[in-house]
Amino acid sequence: AGALPVSAAGNWAVTYLDPMPERFA
């Protein structure tokens, strides 16, 4: 339990971005 990262136990997520600006100032 201590050595396994959360992801290895099946607990993970992904962040998806909506369409972004072409350029950031």
PDB file of all heavy atoms in Angstrom:
ATOM      1  N   ALA A   1       0.828  -1.214   0.000  1.00  0.00           N
ATOM      2  CA  ALA A   1       0.000   0.000   0.000  1.00  0.00           C
ATOM      3  C   ALA A   1       0.852   1.249   0.000  1.00  0.00           C
ATOM      4  O   ALA A   1       0.542   2.242  -0.635  1.00  0.00           O
ATOM      5  CB  ALA A   1      -0.929  -0.015   1.212  1.00  0.00           C
ATOM      6  N   GLY A   2       1.965   1.214   0.735  1.00  0.00           N
ATOM      7  CA  GLY A   2       2.794   2.407   0.838  1.00  0.00           C
ATOM      8  C   GLY A   2       3.636   2.655  -0.390  1.00  0.00           C
ATOM      9  O   GLY A   2       3.951   3.789  -0.718  1.00  0.00           O
ATOM     10  N   ALA A   3       4.030   1.580  -1.078  1.00  0.00           N
ATOM     11  CA  ALA A   3       4.944   1.750  -2.196  1.00  0.00           C
ATOM     12  C   ALA A   3       4.230   1.983  -3.509  1.00  0.00           C
ATOM     13  O   ALA A   3       4.773   2.580  -4.417  1.00  0.00           O
ATOM     14  CB  ALA A   3       5.850   0.522  -2.312  1.00  0.00           C
ATOM     15  N   LEU A   4       3.016   1.476  -3.635  1.00  0.00           N
ATOM     16  CA  LEU A   4       2.302   1.643  -4.896  1.00  0.00           C
ATOM     17  C   LEU A   4       1.746   3.055  -5.019  1.00  0.00           C
ATOM     18  O   LEU A   4       1.108   3.545  -4.097  1.00  0.00           O
ATOM     19  CB  LEU A   4       1.145   0.647  -4.975  1.00  0.00           C
ATOM     20  CG  LEU A   4       1.524  -0.806  -5.237  1.00  0.00           C
ATOM     21  CD1 LEU A   4       0.277  -1.673  -5.108  1.00  0.00           C
ATOM     22  CD2 LEU A   4       2.161  -0.993  -6.590  1.00  0.00           C
ATOM     23  N   PRO A   5       1.981   3.723  -6.113  1.00  0.00           N
ATOM     24  CA  PRO A   5       1.338   5.023  -6.308  1.00  0.00           C
ATOM     25  C   PRO A   5      -0.151   4.847  -6.501  1.00  0.00           C
ATOM     26  O   PRO A   5      -0.637   3.771  -6.812  1.00  0.00           O
ATOM     27  CB  PRO A   5       2.006   5.542  -7.595  1.00  0.00           C
ATOM     28  CG  PRO A   5       2.435   4.314  -8.308  1.00  0.00           C
ATOM     29  CD  PRO A   5       2.794   3.312  -7.250  1.00  0.00           C
ATOM     30  N   VAL A   6      -0.869   5.932  -6.317  1.00  0.00           N
ATOM     31  CA  VAL A   6      -2.320   5.860  -6.433  1.00  0.00           C
ATOM     32  C   VAL A   6      -2.733   5.318  -7.786  1.00  0.00           C
ATOM     33  O   VAL A   6      -3.678   4.551  -7.916  1.00  0.00           O
ATOM     34  CB  VAL A   6      -2.918   7.261  -6.219  1.00  0.00           C
ATOM     35  CG1 VAL A   6      -4.426   7.232  -6.328  1.00  0.00           C
ATOM     36  CG2 VAL A   6      -2.511   7.790  -4.854  1.00  0.00           C
ATOM     37  N   SER A   7      -1.998   5.695  -8.804  1.00  0.00           N
ATOM     38  CA  SER A   7      -2.381   5.261 -10.139  1.00  0.00           C
ATOM     39  C   SER A   7      -2.301   3.763 -10.302  1.00  0.00           C
ATOM     40  O   SER A   7      -3.070   3.161 -11.031  1.00  0.00           O
ATOM     41  CB  SER A   7      -1.492   5.927 -11.175  1.00  0.00           C
ATOM     42  OG  SER A   7      -0.146   5.556 -10.973  1.00  0.00           O
ATOM     43  N   ALA A   8      -1.336   3.131  -9.643  1.00  0.00           N
ATOM     44  CA  ALA A   8      -1.198   1.699  -9.787  1.00  0.00           C
ATOM     45  C   ALA A   8      -2.351   0.962  -9.144  1.00  0.00           C
ATOM     46  O   ALA A   8      -2.626  -0.175  -9.449  1.00  0.00           O
ATOM     47  CB  ALA A   8       0.129   1.243  -9.169  1.00  0.00           C
ATOM     48  N   ALA A   9      -3.030   1.590  -8.198  1.00  0.00           N
ATOM     49  CA  ALA A   9      -4.159   0.945  -7.543  1.00  0.00           C
ATOM     50  C   ALA A   9      -5.448   1.172  -8.322  1.00  0.00           C
ATOM     51  O   ALA A   9      -6.513   0.757  -7.898  1.00  0.00           O
ATOM     52  CB  ALA A   9      -4.307   1.502  -6.126  1.00  0.00           C
ATOM     53  N   GLY A  10      -5.378   1.798  -9.465  1.00  0.00           N
ATOM     54  CA  GLY A  10      -6.577   2.021 -10.266  1.00  0.00           C
ATOM     55  C   GLY A  10      -7.190   3.386 -10.050  1.00  0.00           C
ATOM     56  O   GLY A  10      -8.241   3.680 -10.592  1.00  0.00           O
ATOM     57  N   ASN A  11      -6.547   4.244  -9.279  1.00  0.00           N
ATOM     58  CA  ASN A  11      -7.087   5.567  -8.989  1.00  0.00           C
ATOM     59  C   ASN A  11      -6.291   6.614  -9.750  1.00  0.00           C
ATOM     60  O   ASN A  11      -5.234   7.045  -9.307  1.00  0.00           O
ATOM     61  CB  ASN A  11      -7.030   5.864  -7.482  1.00  0.00           C
ATOM     62  CG  ASN A  11      -8.012   5.034  -6.706  1.00  0.00           C
ATOM     63  OD1 ASN A  11      -9.074   4.686  -7.212  1.00  0.00           O
ATOM     64  ND2 ASN A  11      -7.683   4.692  -5.481  1.00  0.00           N
ATOM     65  N   TRP A  12      -6.785   6.990 -10.907  1.00  0.00           N
ATOM     66  CA  TRP A  12      -6.128   8.062 -11.643  1.00  0.00           C
ATOM     67  C   TRP A  12      -7.177   8.804 -12.456  1.00  0.00           C
ATOM     68  O   TRP A  12      -8.301   8.348 -12.629  1.00  0.00           O
ATOM     69  CB  TRP A  12      -5.026   7.515 -12.560  1.00  0.00           C
ATOM     70  CG  TRP A  12      -5.512   6.880 -13.815  1.00  0.00           C
ATOM     71  CD1 TRP A  12      -5.790   7.481 -15.013  1.00  0.00           C
ATOM     72  CD2 TRP A  12      -5.799   5.497 -14.024  1.00  0.00           C
ATOM     73  NE1 TRP A  12      -6.222   6.577 -15.940  1.00  0.00           N
ATOM     74  CE2 TRP A  12      -6.234   5.337 -15.363  1.00  0.00           C
ATOM     75  CE3 TRP A  12      -5.723   4.374 -13.200  1.00  0.00           C
ATOM     76  CZ2 TRP A  12      -6.594   4.117 -15.890  1.00  0.00           C
ATOM     77  CZ3 TRP A  12      -6.082   3.146 -13.735  1.00  0.00           C
ATOM     78  CH2 TRP A  12      -6.510   3.029 -15.065  1.00  0.00           C
ATOM     79  N   ALA A  13      -6.780   9.957 -12.930  1.00  0.00           N
ATOM     80  CA  ALA A  13      -7.668  10.759 -13.763  1.00  0.00           C
ATOM     81  C   ALA A  13      -6.856  11.436 -14.846  1.00  0.00           C
ATOM     82  O   ALA A  13      -5.627  11.483 -14.787  1.00  0.00           O
ATOM     83  CB  ALA A  13      -8.397  11.796 -12.915  1.00  0.00           C
ATOM     84  N   VAL A  14      -7.557  11.937 -15.833  1.00  0.00           N
ATOM     85  CA  VAL A  14      -6.934  12.671 -16.929  1.00  0.00           C
ATOM     86  C   VAL A  14      -7.621  14.031 -17.038  1.00  0.00           C
ATOM     87  O   VAL A  14      -8.841  14.122 -16.921  1.00  0.00           O
ATOM     88  CB  VAL A  14      -7.077  11.907 -18.261  1.00  0.00           C
ATOM     89  CG1 VAL A  14      -6.591  12.755 -19.433  1.00  0.00           C
ATOM     90  CG2 VAL A  14      -6.306  10.588 -18.206  1.00  0.00           C
ATOM     91  N   THR A  15      -6.831  15.070 -17.214  1.00  0.00           N
ATOM     92  CA  THR A  15      -7.374  16.415 -17.457  1.00  0.00           C
ATOM     93  C   THR A  15      -7.357  16.702 -18.953  1.00  0.00           C
ATOM     94  O   THR A  15      -6.296  16.677 -19.586  1.00  0.00           O
ATOM     95  CB  THR A  15      -6.555  17.483 -16.714  1.00  0.00           C
ATOM     96  OG1 THR A  15      -6.699  17.298 -15.299  1.00  0.00           O
ATOM     97  CG2 THR A  15      -7.033  18.883 -17.078  1.00  0.00           C
ATOM     98  N   TYR A  16      -8.543  16.928 -19.504  1.00  0.00           N
ATOM     99  CA  TYR A  16      -8.680  17.315 -20.913  1.00  0.00           C
ATOM    100  C   TYR A  16      -8.983  18.812 -20.970  1.00  0.00           C
ATOM    101  O   TYR A  16      -9.813  19.308 -20.207  1.00  0.00           O
ATOM    102  CB  TYR A  16      -9.831  16.574 -21.585  1.00  0.00           C
ATOM    103  CG  TYR A  16      -9.672  15.079 -21.686  1.00  0.00           C
ATOM    104  CD1 TYR A  16     -10.172  14.236 -20.703  1.00  0.00           C
ATOM    105  CD2 TYR A  16      -9.051  14.493 -22.791  1.00  0.00           C
ATOM    106  CE1 TYR A  16     -10.053  12.857 -20.803  1.00  0.00           C
ATOM    107  CE2 TYR A  16      -8.930  13.125 -22.903  1.00  0.00           C
ATOM    108  CZ  TYR A  16      -9.428  12.311 -21.907  1.00  0.00           C
ATOM    109  OH  TYR A  16      -9.316  10.944 -22.013  1.00  0.00           O
ATOM    110  N   LEU A  17      -8.354  19.504 -21.897  1.00  0.00           N
ATOM    111  CA  LEU A  17      -8.609  20.930 -22.067  1.00  0.00           C
ATOM    112  C   LEU A  17      -9.607  21.164 -23.193  1.00  0.00           C
ATOM    113  O   LEU A  17      -9.554  20.508 -24.237  1.00  0.00           O
ATOM    114  CB  LEU A  17      -7.320  21.674 -22.380  1.00  0.00           C
ATOM    115  CG  LEU A  17      -6.205  21.619 -21.328  1.00  0.00           C
ATOM    116  CD1 LEU A  17      -4.988  22.369 -21.838  1.00  0.00           C
ATOM    117  CD2 LEU A  17      -6.672  22.180 -19.998  1.00  0.00           C
ATOM    118  N   ASP A  18     -10.502  22.110 -22.976  1.00  0.00           N
ATOM    119  CA  ASP A  18     -11.313  22.602 -24.082  1.00  0.00           C
ATOM    120  C   ASP A  18     -10.400  23.366 -25.048  1.00  0.00           C
ATOM    121  O   ASP A  18      -9.253  23.688 -24.698  1.00  0.00           O
ATOM    122  CB  ASP A  18     -12.419  23.519 -23.548  1.00  0.00           C
ATOM    123  CG  ASP A  18     -13.532  22.743 -22.854  1.00  0.00           C
ATOM    124  OD1 ASP A  18     -13.777  21.586 -23.256  1.00  0.00           O
ATOM    125  OD2 ASP A  18     -14.147  23.280 -21.920  1.00  0.00           O
ATOM    126  N   PRO A  19     -10.862  23.675 -26.256  1.00  0.00           N
ATOM    127  CA  PRO A  19     -10.014  24.411 -27.201  1.00  0.00           C
ATOM    128  C   PRO A  19      -9.418  25.668 -26.574  1.00  0.00           C
ATOM    129  O   PRO A  19     -10.105  26.450 -25.927  1.00  0.00           O
ATOM    130  CB  PRO A  19     -10.979  24.741 -28.341  1.00  0.00           C
ATOM    131  CG  PRO A  19     -11.961  23.612 -28.317  1.00  0.00           C
ATOM    132  CD  PRO A  19     -12.155  23.294 -26.863  1.00  0.00           C
ATOM    133  N   MET A  20      -8.118  25.813 -26.756  1.00  0.00           N
ATOM    134  CA  MET A  20      -7.362  26.899 -26.154  1.00  0.00           C
ATOM    135  C   MET A  20      -7.142  28.039 -27.143  1.00  0.00           C
ATOM    136  O   MET A  20      -7.240  27.836 -28.367  1.00  0.00           O
ATOM    137  CB  MET A  20      -5.983  26.386 -25.706  1.00  0.00           C
ATOM    138  CG  MET A  20      -6.011  25.307 -24.642  1.00  0.00           C
ATOM    139  SD  MET A  20      -6.386  25.959 -23.009  1.00  0.00           S
ATOM    140  CE  MET A  20      -8.084  25.393 -22.856  1.00  0.00           C
ATOM    141  N   PRO A  21      -6.806  29.221 -26.646  1.00  0.00           N
ATOM    142  CA  PRO A  21      -6.386  30.293 -27.550  1.00  0.00           C
ATOM    143  C   PRO A  21      -5.136  29.878 -28.328  1.00  0.00           C
ATOM    144  O   PRO A  21      -4.313  29.108 -27.838  1.00  0.00           O
ATOM    145  CB  PRO A  21      -6.078  31.456 -26.597  1.00  0.00           C
ATOM    146  CG  PRO A  21      -6.839  31.148 -25.350  1.00  0.00           C
ATOM    147  CD  PRO A  21      -6.871  29.657 -25.234  1.00  0.00           C
ATOM    148  N   GLU A  22      -5.016  30.369 -29.543  1.00  0.00           N
ATOM    149  CA  GLU A  22      -3.838  30.057 -30.353  1.00  0.00           C
ATOM    150  C   GLU A  22      -2.577  30.655 -29.744  1.00  0.00           C
ATOM    151  O   GLU A  22      -1.490  30.090 -29.880  1.00  0.00           O
ATOM    152  CB  GLU A  22      -4.022  30.597 -31.779  1.00  0.00           C
ATOM    153  CG  GLU A  22      -5.089  29.868 -32.578  1.00  0.00           C
ATOM    154  CD  GLU A  22      -4.648  28.465 -32.965  1.00  0.00           C
ATOM    155  OE1 GLU A  22      -3.425  28.186 -32.884  1.00  0.00           O
ATOM    156  OE2 GLU A  22      -5.510  27.659 -33.342  1.00  0.00           O
ATOM    157  N   ARG A  23      -2.733  31.792 -29.058  1.00  0.00           N
ATOM    158  CA  ARG A  23      -1.558  32.480 -28.527  1.00  0.00           C
ATOM    159  C   ARG A  23      -1.895  33.103 -27.174  1.00  0.00           C
ATOM    160  O   ARG A  23      -2.980  33.642 -26.983  1.00  0.00           O
ATOM    161  CB  ARG A  23      -1.098  33.556 -29.514  1.00  0.00           C
ATOM    162  CG  ARG A  23       0.180  34.278 -29.102  1.00  0.00           C
ATOM    163  CD  ARG A  23       0.651  35.238 -30.201  1.00  0.00           C
ATOM    164  NE  ARG A  23       1.840  35.987 -29.793  1.00  0.00           N
ATOM    165  CZ  ARG A  23       3.073  35.505 -29.853  1.00  0.00           C
ATOM    166  NH1 ARG A  23       3.284  34.283 -30.306  1.00  0.00           N
ATOM    167  NH2 ARG A  23       4.106  36.235 -29.469  1.00  0.00           N
ATOM    168  N   PHE A  24      -0.941  33.010 -26.259  1.00  0.00           N
ATOM    169  CA  PHE A  24      -1.075  33.596 -24.932  1.00  0.00           C
ATOM    170  C   PHE A  24      -0.096  34.766 -24.803  1.00  0.00           C
ATOM    171  O   PHE A  24       1.092  34.622 -25.099  1.00  0.00           O
ATOM    172  CB  PHE A  24      -0.775  32.572 -23.845  1.00  0.00           C
ATOM    173  CG  PHE A  24      -1.828  31.504 -23.715  1.00  0.00           C
ATOM    174  CD1 PHE A  24      -1.860  30.428 -24.594  1.00  0.00           C
ATOM    175  CD2 PHE A  24      -2.776  31.563 -22.704  1.00  0.00           C
ATOM    176  CE1 PHE A  24      -2.815  29.435 -24.468  1.00  0.00           C
ATOM    177  CE2 PHE A  24      -3.746  30.575 -22.580  1.00  0.00           C
ATOM    178  CZ  PHE A  24      -3.760  29.503 -23.465  1.00  0.00           C
ATOM    179  N   ALA A  25      -0.602  35.918 -24.347  1.00  0.00           N
ATOM    180  CA  ALA A  25       0.232  37.097 -24.138  1.00  0.00           C
ATOM    181  C   ALA A  25       0.460  37.288 -22.636  1.00  0.00           C
ATOM    182  O   ALA A  25      -0.399  36.933 -21.818  1.00  0.00           O
ATOM    183  CB  ALA A  25      -0.438  38.337 -24.727  1.00  0.00           C
TER     184      ALA A  25
END
